[in-house]
Amino acid sequence: MDTESNSENKPTDQPKTKDDPHGQPPAKKIRRQATQEELAHPLHGVKLVEILESLVAYYGWEYLFNEVNILCFKHNPTMKHSLKFLRKFKWAREHVEDIYMDMVEDEAYQKKYRK
């Protein structure tokens, strides 16, 4: 148990928590529920690694470099370095997400009219 000194320099037996100096547990946070619009968005629940893996399988690294012009897509492209870069720079992630959305729409179009 942590002991702390009071005004008379006598130790107290009350444990302290990180969140509350009086020893009470923190209140439980209430999570915000996703709106219907957010749930209907095609990128909802899709992880960045899944997006990048799909794009590499569908188009390849060279196409991604030509579209987004990121050096980690051209010189020794790896998932690890590409994901690190995309998580760091929002503009690059948005470009990759746009390409993914185009790919999803293209696949849906092909399924609908391919007979």
Protein backbone atom coordinates (compact mmCIF):
# COMPACT_ATOMS: atom_id res chain seq x y z
CA MET A 1 0.00 0.00 0.00
CA ASP A 2 1.15 3.49 -0.77
CA THR A 3 1.51 5.66 2.23
CA GLU A 4 1.54 9.40 2.14
CA SER A 5 2.25 11.91 4.79
CA ASN A 6 -0.49 14.04 6.23
CA SER A 7 0.01 17.38 7.96
CA GLU A 8 1.39 15.68 11.07
CA ASN A 9 3.83 13.53 9.03
CA LYS A 10 1.99 10.33 9.99
CA PRO A 11 1.47 7.73 7.27
CA THR A 12 -2.06 7.10 6.07
CA ASP A 13 -3.39 3.71 5.00
CA GLN A 14 -5.54 4.86 2.09
CA PRO A 15 -4.38 3.55 -1.28
CA LYS A 16 -4.22 6.05 -4.08
CA THR A 17 -5.17 5.29 -7.66
CA LYS A 18 -3.77 6.93 -10.73
CA ASP A 19 -7.02 8.60 -11.66
CA ASP A 20 -8.37 9.66 -8.30
CA PRO A 21 -6.29 10.78 -5.31
CA HIS A 22 -9.11 9.80 -2.92
CA GLY A 23 -8.92 6.10 -3.80
CA GLN A 24 -12.22 5.86 -5.68
CA PRO A 25 -12.23 3.91 -8.95
CA PRO A 26 -12.65 5.98 -12.10
CA ALA A 27 -16.09 6.22 -13.67
CA LYS A 28 -16.66 3.96 -16.66
CA LYS A 29 -16.51 5.79 -19.98
CA ILE A 30 -19.52 5.56 -22.23
CA ARG A 31 -18.53 4.81 -25.83
CA ARG A 32 -20.13 6.80 -28.60
CA GLN A 33 -22.27 4.71 -30.93
CA ALA A 34 -21.61 4.95 -34.66
CA THR A 35 -24.27 6.69 -36.71
CA GLN A 36 -26.08 4.91 -39.52
CA GLU A 37 -24.16 7.00 -42.05
CA GLU A 38 -20.84 5.91 -40.54
CA LEU A 39 -21.92 2.27 -40.51
CA ALA A 40 -22.96 2.45 -44.17
CA HIS A 41 -19.60 3.89 -45.30
CA PRO A 42 -17.60 1.30 -47.28
CA LEU A 43 -14.43 1.95 -45.28
CA HIS A 44 -16.14 1.38 -41.92
CA GLY A 45 -14.42 -1.48 -40.13
CA VAL A 46 -11.77 -1.96 -42.82
CA LYS A 47 -8.23 -1.74 -41.45
CA LEU A 48 -5.47 0.08 -43.29
CA VAL A 49 -3.45 -3.11 -43.59
CA GLU A 50 -6.40 -4.83 -45.31
CA ILE A 51 -6.75 -1.90 -47.71
CA LEU A 52 -3.07 -1.95 -48.63
CA GLU A 53 -2.96 -5.74 -49.03
CA SER A 54 -5.98 -5.63 -51.34
CA LEU A 55 -4.50 -2.86 -53.45
CA VAL A 56 -1.14 -4.60 -53.79
CA ALA A 57 -2.84 -7.84 -54.81
CA TYR A 58 -5.15 -6.08 -57.29
CA TYR A 59 -2.83 -3.43 -58.80
CA GLY A 60 0.72 -4.02 -57.57
CA TRP A 61 3.33 -1.71 -56.06
CA GLU A 62 4.26 0.00 -59.33
CA TYR A 63 0.71 1.17 -60.00
CA LEU A 64 0.42 2.48 -56.43
CA PHE A 65 3.68 4.42 -56.83
CA ASN A 66 2.46 5.98 -60.07
CA GLU A 67 -0.85 6.98 -58.51
CA VAL A 68 0.30 8.24 -55.11
CA ASN A 69 4.02 8.94 -55.76
CA ILE A 70 5.36 7.69 -52.45
CA LEU A 71 8.95 6.48 -52.49
CA CYS A 72 8.22 3.62 -50.09
CA PHE A 73 5.98 2.21 -52.85
CA LYS A 74 8.87 2.29 -55.36
CA HIS A 75 12.14 1.60 -53.58
CA ASN A 76 12.07 -1.73 -51.75
CA PRO A 77 8.31 -1.67 -51.05
CA THR A 78 7.26 -3.45 -47.88
CA MET A 79 3.98 -3.53 -46.00
CA LYS A 80 5.66 -2.45 -42.76
CA HIS A 81 7.26 0.72 -44.13
CA SER A 82 4.27 1.62 -46.26
CA LEU A 83 1.84 1.27 -43.35
CA LYS A 84 4.12 3.36 -41.13
CA PHE A 85 4.19 6.12 -43.74
CA LEU A 86 0.43 5.99 -44.38
CA ARG A 87 -0.34 6.20 -40.67
CA LYS A 88 1.95 9.20 -40.32
CA PHE A 89 0.74 11.25 -43.30
CA LYS A 90 -3.00 11.77 -43.67
CA TRP A 91 -2.80 13.00 -47.28
CA ALA A 92 -1.15 9.76 -48.40
CA ARG A 93 -3.67 7.62 -46.51
CA GLU A 94 -6.54 9.54 -48.13
CA HIS A 95 -5.09 8.93 -51.61
CA VAL A 96 -4.74 5.22 -50.90
CA GLU A 97 -8.30 5.07 -49.52
CA ASP A 98 -9.58 6.79 -52.68
CA ILE A 99 -7.83 4.20 -54.86
CA TYR A 100 -9.34 1.45 -52.69
CA MET A 101 -12.82 2.94 -53.10
CA ASP A 102 -12.33 3.02 -56.89
CA MET A 103 -11.22 -0.60 -56.80
CA VAL A 104 -14.29 -1.65 -54.78
CA GLU A 105 -16.62 0.22 -57.14
CA ASP A 106 -14.85 -1.30 -60.17
CA GLU A 107 -15.21 -4.82 -58.74
CA ALA A 108 -18.90 -4.21 -58.01
CA TYR A 109 -19.43 -2.93 -61.55
CA GLN A 110 -17.67 -5.94 -63.03
CA LYS A 111 -19.73 -8.36 -60.95
CA LYS A 112 -22.96 -6.67 -61.95
CA TYR A 113 -22.33 -6.52 -65.70
CA ARG A 114 -20.04 -9.53 -66.21
CA LYS A 115 -22.19 -12.32 -67.59
